[in-house]
Amino acid sequence: MPRVSPFHSINEEKKPAAIRVYHDNSACAPGRDIPQFERRVGTNGYRLCDDCKKLNDQGR
């Protein structure tokens, strides 16, 4: 599965805390849409993106 080091967007902090997410799968479309200059390493305490979780559970 295309796991990558966890990362999040700098724009997550502008969202309500309950919907802030991080990504850890390179096949995740929303994660791929985050430009490199807006990415930060780590989870920052956010929950895993639903798309990443689904891909991880499917082994993709």
PDB file of N, CA and C in Angstrom:
ATOM      1  N   MET A   1       0.833  -1.169   0.000  1.00  0.00           N
ATOM      2  CA  MET A   1       0.000   0.000   0.000  1.00  0.00           C
ATOM      3  C   MET A   1       0.883   1.239   0.000  1.00  0.00           C
ATOM      4  N   PRO A   2       0.474   2.291  -0.661  1.00  0.00           N
ATOM      5  CA  PRO A   2       1.315   3.483  -0.807  1.00  0.00           C
ATOM      6  C   PRO A   2       1.255   4.405   0.411  1.00  0.00           C
ATOM      7  N   ARG A   3       1.717   3.896   1.547  1.00  0.00           N
ATOM      8  CA  ARG A   3       1.723   4.721   2.757  1.00  0.00           C
ATOM      9  C   ARG A   3       2.888   5.700   2.680  1.00  0.00           C
ATOM     10  N   VAL A   4       2.650   6.874   3.203  1.00  0.00           N
ATOM     11  CA  VAL A   4       3.675   7.910   3.278  1.00  0.00           C
ATOM     12  C   VAL A   4       3.691   8.451   4.704  1.00  0.00           C
ATOM     13  N   SER A   5       4.707   9.205   5.033  1.00  0.00           N
ATOM     14  CA  SER A   5       4.753   9.839   6.351  1.00  0.00           C
ATOM     15  C   SER A   5       3.542  10.757   6.498  1.00  0.00           C
ATOM     16  N   PRO A   6       2.929  10.758   7.667  1.00  0.00           N
ATOM     17  CA  PRO A   6       1.750  11.605   7.867  1.00  0.00           C
ATOM     18  C   PRO A   6       2.046  13.075   7.572  1.00  0.00           C
ATOM     19  N   PHE A   7       1.067  13.720   6.966  1.00  0.00           N
ATOM     20  CA  PHE A   7       1.175  15.150   6.687  1.00  0.00           C
ATOM     21  C   PHE A   7      -0.210  15.777   6.737  1.00  0.00           C
ATOM     22  N   HIS A   8      -0.235  17.085   6.904  1.00  0.00           N
ATOM     23  CA  HIS A   8      -1.492  17.831   6.922  1.00  0.00           C
ATOM     24  C   HIS A   8      -1.291  19.148   6.199  1.00  0.00           C
ATOM     25  N   SER A   9      -2.383  19.792   5.883  1.00  0.00           N
ATOM     26  CA  SER A   9      -2.347  21.081   5.215  1.00  0.00           C
ATOM     27  C   SER A   9      -2.276  22.197   6.252  1.00  0.00           C
ATOM     28  N   ILE A  10      -1.567  23.257   5.934  1.00  0.00           N
ATOM     29  CA  ILE A  10      -1.531  24.409   6.827  1.00  0.00           C
ATOM     30  C   ILE A  10      -2.919  25.048   6.934  1.00  0.00           C
ATOM     31  N   ASN A  11      -3.785  24.755   5.991  1.00  0.00           N
ATOM     32  CA  ASN A  11      -5.135  25.329   5.994  1.00  0.00           C
ATOM     33  C   ASN A  11      -6.105  24.601   6.927  1.00  0.00           C
ATOM     34  N   GLU A  12      -5.692  23.455   7.477  1.00  0.00           N
ATOM     35  CA  GLU A  12      -6.577  22.711   8.376  1.00  0.00           C
ATOM     36  C   GLU A  12      -6.947  23.540   9.595  1.00  0.00           C
ATOM     37  N   GLU A  13      -6.044  24.376  10.076  1.00  0.00           N
ATOM     38  CA  GLU A  13      -6.329  25.142  11.289  1.00  0.00           C
ATOM     39  C   GLU A  13      -7.441  26.168  11.085  1.00  0.00           C
ATOM     40  N   LYS A  14      -7.784  26.451   9.833  1.00  0.00           N
ATOM     41  CA  LYS A  14      -8.882  27.372   9.539  1.00  0.00           C
ATOM     42  C   LYS A  14     -10.240  26.678   9.638  1.00  0.00           C
ATOM     43  N   LYS A  15     -10.228  25.342   9.685  1.00  0.00           N
ATOM     44  CA  LYS A  15     -11.463  24.559   9.748  1.00  0.00           C
ATOM     45  C   LYS A  15     -11.860  24.310  11.195  1.00  0.00           C
ATOM     46  N   PRO A  16     -13.138  23.981  11.432  1.00  0.00           N
ATOM     47  CA  PRO A  16     -13.535  23.577  12.788  1.00  0.00           C
ATOM     48  C   PRO A  16     -12.722  22.360  13.230  1.00  0.00           C
ATOM     49  N   ALA A  17     -12.358  22.307  14.492  1.00  0.00           N
ATOM     50  CA  ALA A  17     -11.498  21.236  15.010  1.00  0.00           C
ATOM     51  C   ALA A  17     -12.017  19.836  14.679  1.00  0.00           C
ATOM     52  N   ALA A  18     -13.319  19.657  14.675  1.00  0.00           N
ATOM     53  CA  ALA A  18     -13.909  18.334  14.460  1.00  0.00           C
ATOM     54  C   ALA A  18     -13.673  17.784  13.054  1.00  0.00           C
ATOM     55  N   ILE A  19     -13.348  18.636  12.092  1.00  0.00           N
ATOM     56  CA  ILE A  19     -13.182  18.135  10.722  1.00  0.00           C
ATOM     57  C   ILE A  19     -11.755  18.264  10.201  1.00  0.00           C
ATOM     58  N   ARG A  20     -10.813  18.606  11.048  1.00  0.00           N
ATOM     59  CA  ARG A  20      -9.413  18.696  10.636  1.00  0.00           C
ATOM     60  C   ARG A  20      -8.845  17.290  10.453  1.00  0.00           C
ATOM     61  N   VAL A  21      -8.099  17.083   9.380  1.00  0.00           N
ATOM     62  CA  VAL A  21      -7.574  15.752   9.073  1.00  0.00           C
ATOM     63  C   VAL A  21      -6.110  15.805   8.657  1.00  0.00           C
ATOM     64  N   TYR A  22      -5.480  14.647   8.752  1.00  0.00           N
ATOM     65  CA  TYR A  22      -4.146  14.449   8.192  1.00  0.00           C
ATOM     66  C   TYR A  22      -4.232  13.314   7.182  1.00  0.00           C
ATOM     67  N   HIS A  23      -3.198  13.139   6.403  1.00  0.00           N
ATOM     68  CA  HIS A  23      -3.155  12.123   5.351  1.00  0.00           C
ATOM     69  C   HIS A  23      -1.921  11.247   5.532  1.00  0.00           C
ATOM     70  N   ASP A  24      -2.017   9.985   5.085  1.00  0.00           N
ATOM     71  CA  ASP A  24      -0.856   9.095   5.124  1.00  0.00           C
ATOM     72  C   ASP A  24      -0.858   8.082   3.971  1.00  0.00           C
ATOM     73  N   ASN A  25      -1.608   8.383   2.916  1.00  0.00           N
ATOM     74  CA  ASN A  25      -1.680   7.476   1.773  1.00  0.00           C
ATOM     75  C   ASN A  25      -1.510   8.297   0.496  1.00  0.00           C
ATOM     76  N   SER A  26      -0.529   7.935  -0.310  1.00  0.00           N
ATOM     77  CA  SER A  26      -0.230   8.707  -1.520  1.00  0.00           C
ATOM     78  C   SER A  26      -1.295   8.565  -2.597  1.00  0.00           C
ATOM     79  N   ALA A  27      -2.212   7.596  -2.454  1.00  0.00           N
ATOM     80  CA  ALA A  27      -3.281   7.414  -3.424  1.00  0.00           C
ATOM     81  C   ALA A  27      -4.518   8.249  -3.073  1.00  0.00           C
ATOM     82  N   CYS A  28      -4.496   8.941  -1.964  1.00  0.00           N
ATOM     83  CA  CYS A  28      -5.634   9.736  -1.511  1.00  0.00           C
ATOM     84  C   CYS A  28      -5.759  10.994  -2.369  1.00  0.00           C
ATOM     85  N   ALA A  29      -6.893  11.135  -3.045  1.00  0.00           N
ATOM     86  CA  ALA A  29      -7.101  12.288  -3.934  1.00  0.00           C
ATOM     87  C   ALA A  29      -7.062  13.625  -3.181  1.00  0.00           C
ATOM     88  N   PRO A  30      -7.785  13.770  -2.062  1.00  0.00           N
ATOM     89  CA  PRO A  30      -7.697  15.052  -1.348  1.00  0.00           C
ATOM     90  C   PRO A  30      -6.278  15.360  -0.871  1.00  0.00           C
ATOM     91  N   GLY A  31      -5.548  14.349  -0.454  1.00  0.00           N
ATOM     92  CA  GLY A  31      -4.163  14.554  -0.030  1.00  0.00           C
ATOM     93  C   GLY A  31      -3.269  14.981  -1.184  1.00  0.00           C
ATOM     94  N   ARG A  32      -3.490  14.382  -2.351  1.00  0.00           N
ATOM     95  CA  ARG A  32      -2.701  14.749  -3.535  1.00  0.00           C
ATOM     96  C   ARG A  32      -2.990  16.174  -3.981  1.00  0.00           C
ATOM     97  N   ASP A  33      -4.184  16.673  -3.679  1.00  0.00           N
ATOM     98  CA  ASP A  33      -4.568  18.030  -4.072  1.00  0.00           C
ATOM     99  C   ASP A  33      -3.886  19.115  -3.241  1.00  0.00           C
ATOM    100  N   ILE A  34      -3.257  18.739  -2.135  1.00  0.00           N
ATOM    101  CA  ILE A  34      -2.588  19.726  -1.291  1.00  0.00           C
ATOM    102  C   ILE A  34      -1.226  20.045  -1.903  1.00  0.00           C
ATOM    103  N   PRO A  35      -1.007  21.296  -2.284  1.00  0.00           N
ATOM    104  CA  PRO A  35       0.298  21.659  -2.859  1.00  0.00           C
ATOM    105  C   PRO A  35       1.428  21.428  -1.847  1.00  0.00           C
ATOM    106  N   GLN A  36       2.595  21.081  -2.346  1.00  0.00           N
ATOM    107  CA  GLN A  36       3.739  20.797  -1.475  1.00  0.00           C
ATOM    108  C   GLN A  36       4.022  21.941  -0.506  1.00  0.00           C
ATOM    109  N   PHE A  37       3.891  23.180  -0.969  1.00  0.00           N
ATOM    110  CA  PHE A  37       4.229  24.316  -0.112  1.00  0.00           C
ATOM    111  C   PHE A  37       3.214  24.533   1.015  1.00  0.00           C
ATOM    112  N   GLU A  38       2.054  23.864   0.939  1.00  0.00           N
ATOM    113  CA  GLU A  38       1.051  23.960   2.000  1.00  0.00           C
ATOM    114  C   GLU A  38       1.077  22.757   2.938  1.00  0.00           C
ATOM    115  N   ARG A  39       1.965  21.794   2.694  1.00  0.00           N
ATOM    116  CA  ARG A  39       2.039  20.585   3.517  1.00  0.00           C
ATOM    117  C   ARG A  39       2.970  20.782   4.704  1.00  0.00           C
ATOM    118  N   ARG A  40       2.574  20.171   5.813  1.00  0.00           N
ATOM    119  CA  ARG A  40       3.403  20.138   7.003  1.00  0.00           C
ATOM    120  C   ARG A  40       3.481  18.692   7.471  1.00  0.00           C
ATOM    121  N   VAL A  41       4.635  18.284   7.961  1.00  0.00           N
ATOM    122  CA  VAL A  41       4.858  16.917   8.422  1.00  0.00           C
ATOM    123  C   VAL A  41       4.126  16.683   9.735  1.00  0.00           C
ATOM    124  N   GLY A  42       3.548  15.499   9.873  1.00  0.00           N
ATOM    125  CA  GLY A  42       2.908  15.091  11.119  1.00  0.00           C
ATOM    126  C   GLY A  42       1.402  15.151  11.079  1.00  0.00           C
ATOM    127  N   THR A  43       0.814  14.653  12.164  1.00  0.00           N
ATOM    128  CA  THR A  43      -0.646  14.593  12.266  1.00  0.00           C
ATOM    129  C   THR A  43      -1.227  15.848  12.902  1.00  0.00           C
ATOM    130  N   ASN A  44      -0.433  16.553  13.673  1.00  0.00           N
ATOM    131  CA  ASN A  44      -0.857  17.752  14.392  1.00  0.00           C
ATOM    132  C   ASN A  44      -2.067  17.472  15.292  1.00  0.00           C
ATOM    133  N   GLY A  45      -2.256  16.201  15.655  1.00  0.00           N
ATOM    134  CA  GLY A  45      -3.371  15.827  16.525  1.00  0.00           C
ATOM    135  C   GLY A  45      -4.700  15.682  15.804  1.00  0.00           C
ATOM    136  N   TYR A  46      -4.676  15.764  14.478  1.00  0.00           N
ATOM    137  CA  TYR A  46      -5.908  15.645  13.699  1.00  0.00           C
ATOM    138  C   TYR A  46      -6.244  14.171  13.490  1.00  0.00           C
ATOM    139  N   ARG A  47      -7.464  13.906  13.038  1.00  0.00           N
ATOM    140  CA  ARG A  47      -7.878  12.528  12.742  1.00  0.00           C
ATOM    141  C   ARG A  47      -7.445  12.167  11.318  1.00  0.00           C
ATOM    142  N   LEU A  48      -7.363  10.878  11.058  1.00  0.00           N
ATOM    143  CA  LEU A  48      -6.989  10.402   9.732  1.00  0.00           C
ATOM    144  C   LEU A  48      -8.110  10.688   8.737  1.00  0.00           C
ATOM    145  N   CYS A  49      -7.750  11.154   7.575  1.00  0.00           N
ATOM    146  CA  CYS A  49      -8.684  11.416   6.477  1.00  0.00           C
ATOM    147  C   CYS A  49      -9.484  10.140   6.165  1.00  0.00           C
ATOM    148  N   ASP A  50     -10.783  10.290   5.933  1.00  0.00           N
ATOM    149  CA  ASP A  50     -11.636   9.133   5.625  1.00  0.00           C
ATOM    150  C   ASP A  50     -11.174   8.403   4.372  1.00  0.00           C
ATOM    151  N   ASP A  51     -10.740   9.153   3.349  1.00  0.00           N
ATOM    152  CA  ASP A  51     -10.263   8.520   2.112  1.00  0.00           C
ATOM    153  C   ASP A  51      -8.998   7.714   2.380  1.00  0.00           C
ATOM    154  N   CYS A  52      -8.068   8.265   3.160  1.00  0.00           N
ATOM    155  CA  CYS A  52      -6.850   7.524   3.503  1.00  0.00           C
ATOM    156  C   CYS A  52      -7.201   6.253   4.264  1.00  0.00           C
ATOM    157  N   LYS A  53      -8.114   6.374   5.230  1.00  0.00           N
ATOM    158  CA  LYS A  53      -8.509   5.200   6.023  1.00  0.00           C
ATOM    159  C   LYS A  53      -9.089   4.114   5.130  1.00  0.00           C
ATOM    160  N   LYS A  54      -9.967   4.505   4.206  1.00  0.00           N
ATOM    161  CA  LYS A  54     -10.574   3.526   3.310  1.00  0.00           C
ATOM    162  C   LYS A  54      -9.509   2.850   2.444  1.00  0.00           C
ATOM    163  N   LEU A  55      -8.607   3.631   1.874  1.00  0.00           N
ATOM    164  CA  LEU A  55      -7.531   3.070   1.052  1.00  0.00           C
ATOM    165  C   LEU A  55      -6.628   2.151   1.866  1.00  0.00           C
ATOM    166  N   ASN A  56      -6.293   2.576   3.084  1.00  0.00           N
ATOM    167  CA  ASN A  56      -5.444   1.748   3.949  1.00  0.00           C
ATOM    168  C   ASN A  56      -6.129   0.436   4.289  1.00  0.00           C
ATOM    169  N   ASP A  57      -7.432   0.497   4.594  1.00  0.00           N
ATOM    170  CA  ASP A  57      -8.188  -0.713   4.933  1.00  0.00           C
ATOM    171  C   ASP A  57      -8.272  -1.670   3.743  1.00  0.00           C
ATOM    172  N   GLN A  58      -8.285  -1.128   2.536  1.00  0.00           N
ATOM    173  CA  GLN A  58      -8.346  -1.951   1.325  1.00  0.00           C
ATOM    174  C   GLN A  58      -6.967  -2.415   0.890  1.00  0.00           C
ATOM    175  N   GLY A  59      -5.931  -1.967   1.579  1.00  0.00           N
ATOM    176  CA  GLY A  59      -4.564  -2.367   1.230  1.00  0.00           C
ATOM    177  C   GLY A  59      -4.064  -1.669  -0.032  1.00  0.00           C
ATOM    178  N   ARG A  60      -4.633  -0.510  -0.340  1.00  0.00           N
ATOM    179  CA  ARG A  60      -4.240   0.232  -1.536  1.00  0.00           C
ATOM    180  C   ARG A  60      -3.512   1.494  -1.162  1.00  0.00           C
TER     181      ARG A  60
END
